[in-house]
Amino acid sequence: NSERRKFLKIINKKNKKFLLIKKINGLQIKSWKPLSENYVYIIKVYRHYKKHFLDKNIKFIHGDLTLDNIIFNSKKTTIIDWEFYSPNCKYIGLDLAYFFLSSISIPYAASKKLEKKDVMLFKNLWLILFKENINKKILNNPFNFFQKHIMNNNKLREAYKISKKKFFPFTLDKKFENKVLKIINEL
């Protein structure tokens, strides 16, 4: 993908491969901060994703898109850490749904709090997904969808076996999942 090629170059010399990575100056936002603090950055990512991926019906996925995998500067938004890249996803917008879900889930996992203002902002984000016609299988029960998706994808499943904490959909308690599902069902 062109976004990856801008920053990566693979060099083969004497049967050895080297990966050159262009330095990206910018700010990395803490994914564990409340949604209300990160909302402006989440909207920036949405606009970037819509422009470069969603509107073009691109079929590949990042695999674990969260704020931890994004660098912001005054001119652009850059998605990094494509270790779980997958070329043939049948669900357009999967990464965006995972990203939006992470925006409320990761802060909850860190603080065990769910503030009303964060719930309202999450509703706004999830409504964006409905407007973008993201697959209903993802939207109606995202935790179940992402758990199955991760376990059915060889690369993601192997990463999950190595580090269960890598994928937030497996780390949350059922009480929180049920709260989020209730929020989604009210939309």
N, C-alpha and C. Protein backbone atom coordinates (compact mmCIF):
# COMPACT_ATOMS: atom_id res chain seq x y z
N ASN A 1 0.85 -1.18 0.00
CA ASN A 1 0.00 0.00 0.00
C ASN A 1 0.89 1.23 0.00
N SER A 2 0.39 2.29 -0.61
CA SER A 2 1.20 3.49 -0.80
C SER A 2 1.58 4.14 0.52
N GLU A 3 0.71 4.07 1.52
CA GLU A 3 1.02 4.67 2.82
C GLU A 3 2.23 3.96 3.44
N ARG A 4 2.29 2.66 3.34
CA ARG A 4 3.44 1.93 3.89
C ARG A 4 4.69 2.22 3.10
N ARG A 5 4.60 2.28 1.76
CA ARG A 5 5.78 2.49 0.92
C ARG A 5 6.44 3.84 1.16
N LYS A 6 5.69 4.84 1.60
CA LYS A 6 6.27 6.15 1.86
C LYS A 6 7.29 6.09 2.98
N PHE A 7 7.15 5.14 3.90
CA PHE A 7 7.97 5.12 5.09
C PHE A 7 8.90 3.92 5.19
N LEU A 8 8.72 2.94 4.33
CA LEU A 8 9.51 1.72 4.42
C LEU A 8 10.26 1.47 3.12
N LYS A 9 11.45 0.96 3.25
CA LYS A 9 12.21 0.54 2.09
C LYS A 9 12.97 -0.72 2.48
N ILE A 10 12.81 -1.76 1.69
CA ILE A 10 13.51 -3.02 1.96
C ILE A 10 14.72 -3.08 1.03
N ILE A 11 15.87 -3.33 1.61
CA ILE A 11 17.10 -3.41 0.84
C ILE A 11 17.67 -4.82 0.98
N ASN A 12 18.01 -5.44 -0.15
CA ASN A 12 18.66 -6.75 -0.15
C ASN A 12 20.14 -6.55 -0.47
N LYS A 13 21.01 -6.96 0.45
CA LYS A 13 22.46 -6.87 0.23
C LYS A 13 23.09 -8.16 0.73
N LYS A 14 23.80 -8.82 -0.15
CA LYS A 14 24.56 -10.02 0.23
C LYS A 14 23.69 -10.99 1.04
N ASN A 15 22.53 -11.34 0.51
CA ASN A 15 21.60 -12.28 1.12
C ASN A 15 21.07 -11.85 2.49
N LYS A 16 21.16 -10.57 2.78
CA LYS A 16 20.59 -10.02 4.02
C LYS A 16 19.59 -8.95 3.63
N LYS A 17 18.51 -8.90 4.38
CA LYS A 17 17.50 -7.88 4.14
C LYS A 17 17.57 -6.83 5.24
N PHE A 18 17.43 -5.58 4.83
CA PHE A 18 17.42 -4.47 5.76
C PHE A 18 16.13 -3.70 5.54
N LEU A 19 15.59 -3.21 6.61
CA LEU A 19 14.38 -2.41 6.55
C LEU A 19 14.74 -0.99 6.98
N LEU A 20 14.63 -0.06 6.05
CA LEU A 20 14.87 1.34 6.37
C LEU A 20 13.53 2.00 6.63
N ILE A 21 13.44 2.69 7.72
CA ILE A 21 12.20 3.35 8.10
C ILE A 21 12.45 4.84 8.20
N LYS A 22 11.68 5.61 7.47
CA LYS A 22 11.78 7.06 7.51
C LYS A 22 11.26 7.56 8.86
N LYS A 23 12.00 8.47 9.46
CA LYS A 23 11.59 9.04 10.74
C LYS A 23 10.33 9.87 10.53
N ILE A 24 9.37 9.69 11.44
CA ILE A 24 8.13 10.43 11.39
C ILE A 24 8.06 11.30 12.65
N ASN A 25 8.11 12.58 12.46
CA ASN A 25 8.00 13.50 13.59
C ASN A 25 6.54 13.73 13.90
N GLY A 26 6.21 13.71 15.15
CA GLY A 26 4.83 13.96 15.51
C GLY A 26 4.53 13.58 16.94
N LEU A 27 3.26 13.53 17.21
CA LEU A 27 2.74 13.28 18.55
C LEU A 27 2.00 11.95 18.56
N GLN A 28 2.25 11.16 19.58
CA GLN A 28 1.49 9.93 19.76
C GLN A 28 0.58 10.14 20.97
N ILE A 29 -0.70 9.93 20.77
CA ILE A 29 -1.70 10.17 21.79
C ILE A 29 -1.86 8.91 22.64
N LYS A 30 -2.05 9.09 23.91
CA LYS A 30 -2.19 7.96 24.83
C LYS A 30 -3.59 7.36 24.70
N SER A 31 -3.65 6.12 24.28
CA SER A 31 -4.94 5.45 24.03
C SER A 31 -5.74 5.22 25.30
N TRP A 32 -5.10 5.24 26.45
CA TRP A 32 -5.79 4.97 27.71
C TRP A 32 -6.43 6.21 28.32
N LYS A 33 -6.23 7.37 27.69
CA LYS A 33 -6.90 8.59 28.17
C LYS A 33 -8.38 8.53 27.81
N PRO A 34 -9.23 9.22 28.56
CA PRO A 34 -10.68 9.18 28.27
C PRO A 34 -11.00 9.63 26.85
N LEU A 35 -12.05 9.09 26.32
CA LEU A 35 -12.52 9.44 24.99
C LEU A 35 -12.70 10.96 24.86
N SER A 36 -13.20 11.60 25.89
CA SER A 36 -13.41 13.05 25.85
C SER A 36 -12.10 13.82 25.62
N GLU A 37 -10.98 13.29 26.08
CA GLU A 37 -9.68 13.93 25.85
C GLU A 37 -9.13 13.61 24.46
N ASN A 38 -9.45 12.47 23.92
CA ASN A 38 -8.89 12.02 22.65
C ASN A 38 -9.80 12.25 21.44
N TYR A 39 -11.00 12.72 21.68
CA TYR A 39 -12.02 12.78 20.62
C TYR A 39 -11.55 13.54 19.38
N VAL A 40 -10.92 14.67 19.56
CA VAL A 40 -10.48 15.46 18.40
C VAL A 40 -9.49 14.66 17.54
N TYR A 41 -8.65 13.85 18.15
CA TYR A 41 -7.70 13.02 17.40
C TYR A 41 -8.40 11.85 16.72
N ILE A 42 -9.38 11.32 17.39
CA ILE A 42 -10.15 10.21 16.81
C ILE A 42 -10.87 10.67 15.55
N ILE A 43 -11.41 11.87 15.58
CA ILE A 43 -12.07 12.43 14.39
C ILE A 43 -11.04 12.67 13.28
N LYS A 44 -9.84 13.11 13.63
CA LYS A 44 -8.78 13.27 12.62
C LYS A 44 -8.48 11.93 11.94
N VAL A 45 -8.42 10.88 12.74
CA VAL A 45 -8.15 9.55 12.18
C VAL A 45 -9.31 9.13 11.28
N TYR A 46 -10.52 9.38 11.72
CA TYR A 46 -11.69 9.04 10.89
C TYR A 46 -11.59 9.73 9.53
N ARG A 47 -11.30 11.02 9.52
CA ARG A 47 -11.20 11.76 8.25
C ARG A 47 -10.09 11.21 7.37
N HIS A 48 -8.96 10.90 7.99
CA HIS A 48 -7.83 10.31 7.26
C HIS A 48 -8.23 8.94 6.68
N TYR A 49 -8.82 8.13 7.51
CA TYR A 49 -9.23 6.78 7.09
C TYR A 49 -10.26 6.86 5.97
N LYS A 50 -11.22 7.74 6.10
CA LYS A 50 -12.26 7.90 5.08
C LYS A 50 -11.64 8.31 3.75
N LYS A 51 -10.73 9.25 3.80
CA LYS A 51 -10.10 9.75 2.57
C LYS A 51 -9.22 8.69 1.89
N HIS A 52 -8.45 7.96 2.68
CA HIS A 52 -7.46 7.06 2.10
C HIS A 52 -7.89 5.60 1.99
N PHE A 53 -8.87 5.19 2.75
CA PHE A 53 -9.23 3.78 2.78
C PHE A 53 -10.70 3.53 2.51
N LEU A 54 -11.57 4.15 3.27
CA LEU A 54 -12.99 3.85 3.22
C LEU A 54 -13.61 4.24 1.88
N ASP A 55 -13.35 5.43 1.42
CA ASP A 55 -13.97 5.89 0.17
C ASP A 55 -13.44 5.15 -1.05
N LYS A 56 -12.32 4.49 -0.90
CA LYS A 56 -11.74 3.76 -2.03
C LYS A 56 -12.07 2.27 -1.97
N ASN A 57 -12.86 1.87 -0.99
CA ASN A 57 -13.23 0.46 -0.83
C ASN A 57 -12.02 -0.47 -0.85
N ILE A 58 -10.99 -0.06 -0.15
CA ILE A 58 -9.77 -0.86 -0.06
C ILE A 58 -10.06 -2.09 0.80
N LYS A 59 -9.58 -3.23 0.37
CA LYS A 59 -9.90 -4.50 1.00
C LYS A 59 -8.87 -4.98 2.02
N PHE A 60 -7.78 -4.24 2.23
CA PHE A 60 -6.81 -4.70 3.23
C PHE A 60 -7.11 -4.06 4.58
N ILE A 61 -6.54 -4.65 5.62
CA ILE A 61 -6.75 -4.12 6.97
C ILE A 61 -5.42 -3.96 7.70
N HIS A 62 -5.43 -3.07 8.65
CA HIS A 62 -4.29 -2.85 9.54
C HIS A 62 -4.20 -3.99 10.54
N GLY A 63 -5.34 -4.35 11.12
CA GLY A 63 -5.41 -5.50 12.02
C GLY A 63 -5.60 -5.16 13.49
N ASP A 64 -4.99 -4.07 13.95
CA ASP A 64 -5.17 -3.68 15.35
C ASP A 64 -5.05 -2.16 15.49
N LEU A 65 -5.84 -1.46 14.73
CA LEU A 65 -5.76 0.00 14.70
C LEU A 65 -6.28 0.62 15.99
N THR A 66 -5.38 1.25 16.73
CA THR A 66 -5.71 2.01 17.94
C THR A 66 -4.86 3.28 17.91
N LEU A 67 -5.09 4.18 18.84
CA LEU A 67 -4.28 5.39 18.90
C LEU A 67 -2.79 5.09 19.08
N ASP A 68 -2.47 3.93 19.62
CA ASP A 68 -1.07 3.54 19.79
C ASP A 68 -0.34 3.39 18.46
N ASN A 69 -1.09 3.23 17.37
CA ASN A 69 -0.52 2.99 16.05
C ASN A 69 -0.69 4.18 15.11
N ILE A 70 -0.74 5.37 15.68
CA ILE A 70 -0.97 6.56 14.87
C ILE A 70 -0.07 7.69 15.38
N ILE A 71 0.51 8.42 14.43
CA ILE A 71 1.31 9.59 14.76
C ILE A 71 0.65 10.80 14.12
N PHE A 72 0.53 11.86 14.90
CA PHE A 72 -0.10 13.10 14.46
C PHE A 72 0.94 14.21 14.40
N ASN A 73 0.87 15.01 13.35
CA ASN A 73 1.59 16.27 13.37
C ASN A 73 0.69 17.32 12.74
N SER A 74 1.16 18.53 12.63
CA SER A 74 0.28 19.62 12.19
C SER A 74 -0.22 19.44 10.76
N LYS A 75 0.49 18.67 9.96
CA LYS A 75 0.11 18.52 8.56
C LYS A 75 -0.62 17.23 8.23
N LYS A 76 -0.36 16.16 8.99
CA LYS A 76 -0.98 14.90 8.59
C LYS A 76 -1.10 13.91 9.74
N THR A 77 -1.84 12.87 9.43
CA THR A 77 -2.05 11.74 10.32
C THR A 77 -1.37 10.54 9.65
N THR A 78 -0.55 9.81 10.39
CA THR A 78 0.17 8.68 9.82
C THR A 78 -0.12 7.42 10.62
N ILE A 79 -0.60 6.40 9.93
CA ILE A 79 -0.85 5.10 10.56
C ILE A 79 0.43 4.28 10.45
N ILE A 80 0.88 3.77 11.60
CA ILE A 80 2.13 3.00 11.65
C ILE A 80 1.84 1.59 12.18
N ASP A 81 2.88 0.79 12.28
CA ASP A 81 2.83 -0.55 12.89
C ASP A 81 1.85 -1.46 12.15
N TRP A 82 2.21 -1.80 10.94
CA TRP A 82 1.36 -2.63 10.08
C TRP A 82 1.69 -4.12 10.23
N GLU A 83 2.11 -4.55 11.40
CA GLU A 83 2.53 -5.94 11.59
C GLU A 83 1.41 -6.95 11.33
N PHE A 84 0.15 -6.54 11.48
CA PHE A 84 -0.97 -7.46 11.28
C PHE A 84 -1.73 -7.18 9.99
N TYR A 85 -1.08 -6.50 9.08
CA TYR A 85 -1.65 -6.21 7.78
C TYR A 85 -2.20 -7.50 7.15
N SER A 86 -3.37 -7.38 6.58
CA SER A 86 -3.98 -8.51 5.89
C SER A 86 -4.57 -7.99 4.58
N PRO A 87 -4.27 -8.64 3.45
CA PRO A 87 -4.62 -8.09 2.14
C PRO A 87 -6.06 -8.28 1.66
N ASN A 88 -6.77 -9.24 2.14
CA ASN A 88 -8.07 -9.54 1.53
C ASN A 88 -9.20 -9.63 2.55
N CYS A 89 -9.51 -8.53 3.16
CA CYS A 89 -10.60 -8.50 4.13
C CYS A 89 -11.93 -8.26 3.41
N LYS A 90 -12.93 -9.01 3.77
CA LYS A 90 -14.23 -8.83 3.11
C LYS A 90 -15.09 -7.78 3.80
N TYR A 91 -14.59 -7.19 4.90
CA TYR A 91 -15.37 -6.22 5.65
C TYR A 91 -14.75 -4.83 5.53
N ILE A 92 -15.26 -4.03 4.63
CA ILE A 92 -14.81 -2.65 4.49
C ILE A 92 -15.13 -1.91 5.80
N GLY A 93 -14.16 -1.16 6.30
CA GLY A 93 -14.36 -0.38 7.52
C GLY A 93 -14.10 -1.13 8.81
N LEU A 94 -13.61 -2.34 8.71
CA LEU A 94 -13.32 -3.14 9.90
C LEU A 94 -12.36 -2.41 10.83
N ASP A 95 -11.28 -1.86 10.27
CA ASP A 95 -10.30 -1.15 11.10
C ASP A 95 -10.92 0.06 11.80
N LEU A 96 -11.79 0.76 11.10
CA LEU A 96 -12.41 1.94 11.69
C LEU A 96 -13.31 1.55 12.86
N ALA A 97 -14.06 0.49 12.72
CA ALA A 97 -14.91 0.00 13.82
C ALA A 97 -14.05 -0.44 15.00
N TYR A 98 -12.97 -1.15 14.73
CA TYR A 98 -12.05 -1.58 15.79
C TYR A 98 -11.47 -0.36 16.50
N PHE A 99 -11.09 0.63 15.72
CA PHE A 99 -10.52 1.86 16.26
C PHE A 99 -11.53 2.60 17.15
N PHE A 100 -12.74 2.77 16.67
CA PHE A 100 -13.77 3.47 17.46
C PHE A 100 -14.08 2.69 18.75
N LEU A 101 -14.17 1.37 18.64
CA LEU A 101 -14.44 0.56 19.83
C LEU A 101 -13.29 0.68 20.84
N SER A 102 -12.06 0.74 20.33
CA SER A 102 -10.90 0.89 21.22
C SER A 102 -10.93 2.22 21.96
N SER A 103 -11.54 3.22 21.36
CA SER A 103 -11.53 4.56 21.95
C SER A 103 -12.31 4.64 23.26
N ILE A 104 -13.19 3.71 23.48
CA ILE A 104 -13.92 3.66 24.76
C ILE A 104 -13.45 2.46 25.60
N SER A 105 -13.00 1.43 24.96
CA SER A 105 -12.62 0.20 25.66
C SER A 105 -11.27 0.30 26.36
N ILE A 106 -10.28 0.83 25.70
CA ILE A 106 -8.95 0.92 26.30
C ILE A 106 -8.96 1.86 27.51
N PRO A 107 -9.58 3.04 27.41
CA PRO A 107 -9.66 3.88 28.63
C PRO A 107 -10.42 3.20 29.77
N TYR A 108 -11.48 2.46 29.43
CA TYR A 108 -12.21 1.75 30.49
C TYR A 108 -11.30 0.68 31.13
N ALA A 109 -10.57 -0.04 30.32
CA ALA A 109 -9.68 -1.07 30.85
C ALA A 109 -8.64 -0.47 31.81
N ALA A 110 -8.23 0.76 31.53
CA ALA A 110 -7.22 1.42 32.37
C ALA A 110 -7.81 1.99 33.65
N SER A 111 -9.04 2.51 33.59
CA SER A 111 -9.60 3.22 34.75
C SER A 111 -10.79 2.54 35.42
N LYS A 112 -11.42 1.61 34.71
CA LYS A 112 -12.65 0.96 35.16
C LYS A 112 -13.78 1.98 35.37
N LYS A 113 -13.71 3.10 34.61
CA LYS A 113 -14.75 4.13 34.66
C LYS A 113 -15.30 4.34 33.27
N LEU A 114 -16.59 4.68 33.23
CA LEU A 114 -17.25 5.01 31.98
C LEU A 114 -18.10 6.25 32.24
N GLU A 115 -17.56 7.40 31.86
CA GLU A 115 -18.23 8.68 32.11
C GLU A 115 -19.34 8.93 31.09
N LYS A 116 -20.38 9.68 31.50
CA LYS A 116 -21.50 9.98 30.61
C LYS A 116 -21.05 10.70 29.34
N LYS A 117 -20.12 11.64 29.47
CA LYS A 117 -19.67 12.38 28.29
C LYS A 117 -18.96 11.45 27.30
N ASP A 118 -18.26 10.45 27.82
CA ASP A 118 -17.60 9.49 26.93
C ASP A 118 -18.62 8.59 26.24
N VAL A 119 -19.68 8.24 26.94
CA VAL A 119 -20.75 7.45 26.34
C VAL A 119 -21.38 8.22 25.18
N MET A 120 -21.64 9.51 25.39
CA MET A 120 -22.25 10.34 24.34
C MET A 120 -21.33 10.44 23.12
N LEU A 121 -20.06 10.63 23.36
CA LEU A 121 -19.10 10.72 22.25
C LEU A 121 -18.99 9.39 21.52
N PHE A 122 -19.01 8.29 22.27
CA PHE A 122 -18.97 6.97 21.64
C PHE A 122 -20.21 6.76 20.76
N LYS A 123 -21.36 7.19 21.24
CA LYS A 123 -22.58 7.10 20.43
C LYS A 123 -22.40 7.85 19.11
N ASN A 124 -21.81 9.03 19.17
CA ASN A 124 -21.54 9.79 17.95
C ASN A 124 -20.64 9.02 16.99
N LEU A 125 -19.60 8.41 17.54
CA LEU A 125 -18.69 7.63 16.70
C LEU A 125 -19.40 6.44 16.07
N TRP A 126 -20.18 5.74 16.86
CA TRP A 126 -20.85 4.54 16.34
C TRP A 126 -21.89 4.91 15.29
N LEU A 127 -22.52 6.06 15.46
CA LEU A 127 -23.47 6.54 14.44
C LEU A 127 -22.76 6.83 13.12
N ILE A 128 -21.52 7.29 13.19
CA ILE A 128 -20.72 7.49 11.97
C ILE A 128 -20.59 6.17 11.23
N LEU A 129 -20.34 5.10 11.96
CA LEU A 129 -20.19 3.78 11.32
C LEU A 129 -21.48 3.35 10.64
N PHE A 130 -22.61 3.61 11.28
CA PHE A 130 -23.89 3.28 10.65
C PHE A 130 -24.07 4.08 9.37
N LYS A 131 -23.72 5.36 9.41
CA LYS A 131 -23.84 6.22 8.22
C LYS A 131 -22.91 5.77 7.09
N GLU A 132 -21.78 5.20 7.46
CA GLU A 132 -20.80 4.71 6.47
C GLU A 132 -21.16 3.32 5.96
N ASN A 133 -22.27 2.78 6.43
CA ASN A 133 -22.73 1.45 6.00
C ASN A 133 -21.73 0.33 6.28
N ILE A 134 -21.11 0.41 7.45
CA ILE A 134 -20.21 -0.66 7.88
C ILE A 134 -21.08 -1.89 8.14
N ASN A 135 -20.54 -3.05 7.88
CA ASN A 135 -21.27 -4.30 7.99
C ASN A 135 -21.95 -4.45 9.35
N LYS A 136 -23.21 -4.82 9.32
CA LYS A 136 -24.03 -4.95 10.55
C LYS A 136 -23.49 -6.02 11.50
N LYS A 137 -22.80 -7.03 10.97
CA LYS A 137 -22.21 -8.05 11.84
C LYS A 137 -21.20 -7.42 12.79
N ILE A 138 -20.48 -6.42 12.29
CA ILE A 138 -19.51 -5.71 13.13
C ILE A 138 -20.24 -4.79 14.09
N LEU A 139 -21.18 -4.03 13.57
CA LEU A 139 -21.81 -2.96 14.35
C LEU A 139 -22.71 -3.45 15.47
N ASN A 140 -23.42 -4.52 15.25
CA ASN A 140 -24.40 -4.97 16.24
C ASN A 140 -23.78 -5.66 17.45
N ASN A 141 -22.70 -6.39 17.25
CA ASN A 141 -22.02 -7.05 18.37
C ASN A 141 -20.52 -7.06 18.10
N PRO A 142 -19.88 -5.90 18.25
CA PRO A 142 -18.47 -5.78 17.86
C PRO A 142 -17.51 -6.66 18.67
N PHE A 143 -17.77 -6.85 19.94
CA PHE A 143 -16.85 -7.68 20.73
C PHE A 143 -16.85 -9.11 20.21
N ASN A 144 -18.02 -9.66 19.99
CA ASN A 144 -18.14 -11.00 19.45
C ASN A 144 -17.50 -11.08 18.07
N PHE A 145 -17.80 -10.10 17.23
CA PHE A 145 -17.25 -10.10 15.87
C PHE A 145 -15.73 -10.09 15.91
N PHE A 146 -15.14 -9.16 16.67
CA PHE A 146 -13.68 -9.05 16.68
C PHE A 146 -13.01 -10.25 17.33
N GLN A 147 -13.61 -10.83 18.35
CA GLN A 147 -13.04 -12.04 18.94
C GLN A 147 -13.00 -13.16 17.90
N LYS A 148 -14.10 -13.33 17.17
CA LYS A 148 -14.13 -14.37 16.12
C LYS A 148 -13.16 -14.05 15.00
N HIS A 149 -13.14 -12.77 14.58
CA HIS A 149 -12.26 -12.36 13.49
C HIS A 149 -10.80 -12.64 13.85
N ILE A 150 -10.39 -12.29 15.05
CA ILE A 150 -9.01 -12.50 15.48
C ILE A 150 -8.69 -13.98 15.52
N MET A 151 -9.60 -14.79 16.03
CA MET A 151 -9.34 -16.23 16.13
C MET A 151 -9.37 -16.92 14.76
N ASN A 152 -10.06 -16.33 13.78
CA ASN A 152 -10.14 -16.93 12.44
C ASN A 152 -9.04 -16.45 11.49
N ASN A 153 -8.26 -15.47 11.91
CA ASN A 153 -7.17 -14.95 11.09
C ASN A 153 -5.87 -15.53 11.64
N ASN A 154 -5.16 -16.29 10.82
CA ASN A 154 -3.96 -17.01 11.30
C ASN A 154 -2.94 -16.08 11.96
N LYS A 155 -2.64 -14.96 11.32
CA LYS A 155 -1.63 -14.04 11.85
C LYS A 155 -2.09 -13.44 13.18
N LEU A 156 -3.34 -13.02 13.25
CA LEU A 156 -3.86 -12.42 14.48
C LEU A 156 -3.97 -13.46 15.59
N ARG A 157 -4.40 -14.67 15.24
CA ARG A 157 -4.54 -15.73 16.24
C ARG A 157 -3.17 -16.07 16.85
N GLU A 158 -2.14 -16.15 16.01
CA GLU A 158 -0.80 -16.45 16.52
C GLU A 158 -0.30 -15.34 17.44
N ALA A 159 -0.56 -14.08 17.08
CA ALA A 159 -0.17 -12.96 17.95
C ALA A 159 -0.93 -13.00 19.26
N TYR A 160 -2.20 -13.35 19.19
CA TYR A 160 -3.02 -13.46 20.40
C TYR A 160 -2.47 -14.53 21.34
N LYS A 161 -2.03 -15.65 20.77
CA LYS A 161 -1.46 -16.72 21.61
C LYS A 161 -0.20 -16.25 22.34
N ILE A 162 0.57 -15.39 21.70
CA ILE A 162 1.81 -14.88 22.29
C ILE A 162 1.51 -13.85 23.37
N SER A 163 0.57 -12.96 23.09
CA SER A 163 0.24 -11.90 24.04
C SER A 163 -1.26 -11.63 24.03
N LYS A 164 -1.94 -12.22 24.98
CA LYS A 164 -3.40 -12.08 25.05
C LYS A 164 -3.83 -10.63 25.29
N LYS A 165 -2.97 -9.82 25.89
CA LYS A 165 -3.29 -8.43 26.15
C LYS A 165 -3.19 -7.56 24.91
N LYS A 166 -2.64 -8.08 23.83
CA LYS A 166 -2.45 -7.32 22.61
C LYS A 166 -3.78 -6.87 22.00
N PHE A 167 -4.82 -7.66 22.17
CA PHE A 167 -6.10 -7.39 21.54
C PHE A 167 -7.16 -7.11 22.61
N PHE A 168 -7.55 -5.86 22.72
CA PHE A 168 -8.45 -5.43 23.79
C PHE A 168 -9.80 -6.16 23.81
N PRO A 169 -10.36 -6.64 22.68
CA PRO A 169 -11.67 -7.30 22.79
C PRO A 169 -11.69 -8.53 23.70
N PHE A 170 -10.52 -9.08 23.99
CA PHE A 170 -10.44 -10.25 24.87
C PHE A 170 -10.16 -9.87 26.33
N THR A 171 -9.86 -8.61 26.59
CA THR A 171 -9.40 -8.24 27.92
C THR A 171 -10.46 -7.59 28.81
N LEU A 172 -11.63 -7.36 28.28
CA LEU A 172 -12.65 -6.60 28.99
C LEU A 172 -13.64 -7.51 29.70
N ASP A 173 -14.17 -7.03 30.80
CA ASP A 173 -15.15 -7.83 31.52
C ASP A 173 -16.51 -7.78 30.82
N LYS A 174 -17.32 -8.80 31.07
CA LYS A 174 -18.64 -8.92 30.43
C LYS A 174 -19.56 -7.76 30.81
N LYS A 175 -19.41 -7.25 32.01
CA LYS A 175 -20.24 -6.13 32.45
C LYS A 175 -20.03 -4.93 31.52
N PHE A 176 -18.78 -4.62 31.22
CA PHE A 176 -18.49 -3.52 30.31
C PHE A 176 -19.01 -3.82 28.90
N GLU A 177 -18.72 -5.01 28.41
CA GLU A 177 -19.21 -5.39 27.08
C GLU A 177 -20.73 -5.20 26.99
N ASN A 178 -21.44 -5.64 28.00
CA ASN A 178 -22.90 -5.51 28.00
C ASN A 178 -23.33 -4.04 28.02
N LYS A 179 -22.60 -3.19 28.74
CA LYS A 179 -22.91 -1.75 28.74
C LYS A 179 -22.75 -1.18 27.34
N VAL A 180 -21.67 -1.54 26.68
CA VAL A 180 -21.43 -1.03 25.32
C VAL A 180 -22.47 -1.56 24.36
N LEU A 181 -22.82 -2.82 24.46
CA LEU A 181 -23.86 -3.38 23.59
C LEU A 181 -25.21 -2.69 23.83
N LYS A 182 -25.50 -2.37 25.06
CA LYS A 182 -26.73 -1.64 25.37
C LYS A 182 -26.70 -0.24 24.72
N ILE A 183 -25.57 0.42 24.80
CA ILE A 183 -25.41 1.74 24.16
C ILE A 183 -25.65 1.62 22.66
N ILE A 184 -25.05 0.62 22.05
CA ILE A 184 -25.20 0.42 20.60
C ILE A 184 -26.65 0.10 20.25
N ASN A 185 -27.29 -0.75 21.02
CA ASN A 185 -28.69 -1.13 20.72
C ASN A 185 -29.67 0.02 20.88
N GLU A 186 -29.28 1.04 21.66
CA GLU A 186 -30.14 2.21 21.83
C GLU A 186 -30.07 3.17 20.64
N LEU A 187 -29.12 2.97 19.76
CA LEU A 187 -28.94 3.89 18.62
C LEU A 187 -29.99 3.64 17.54
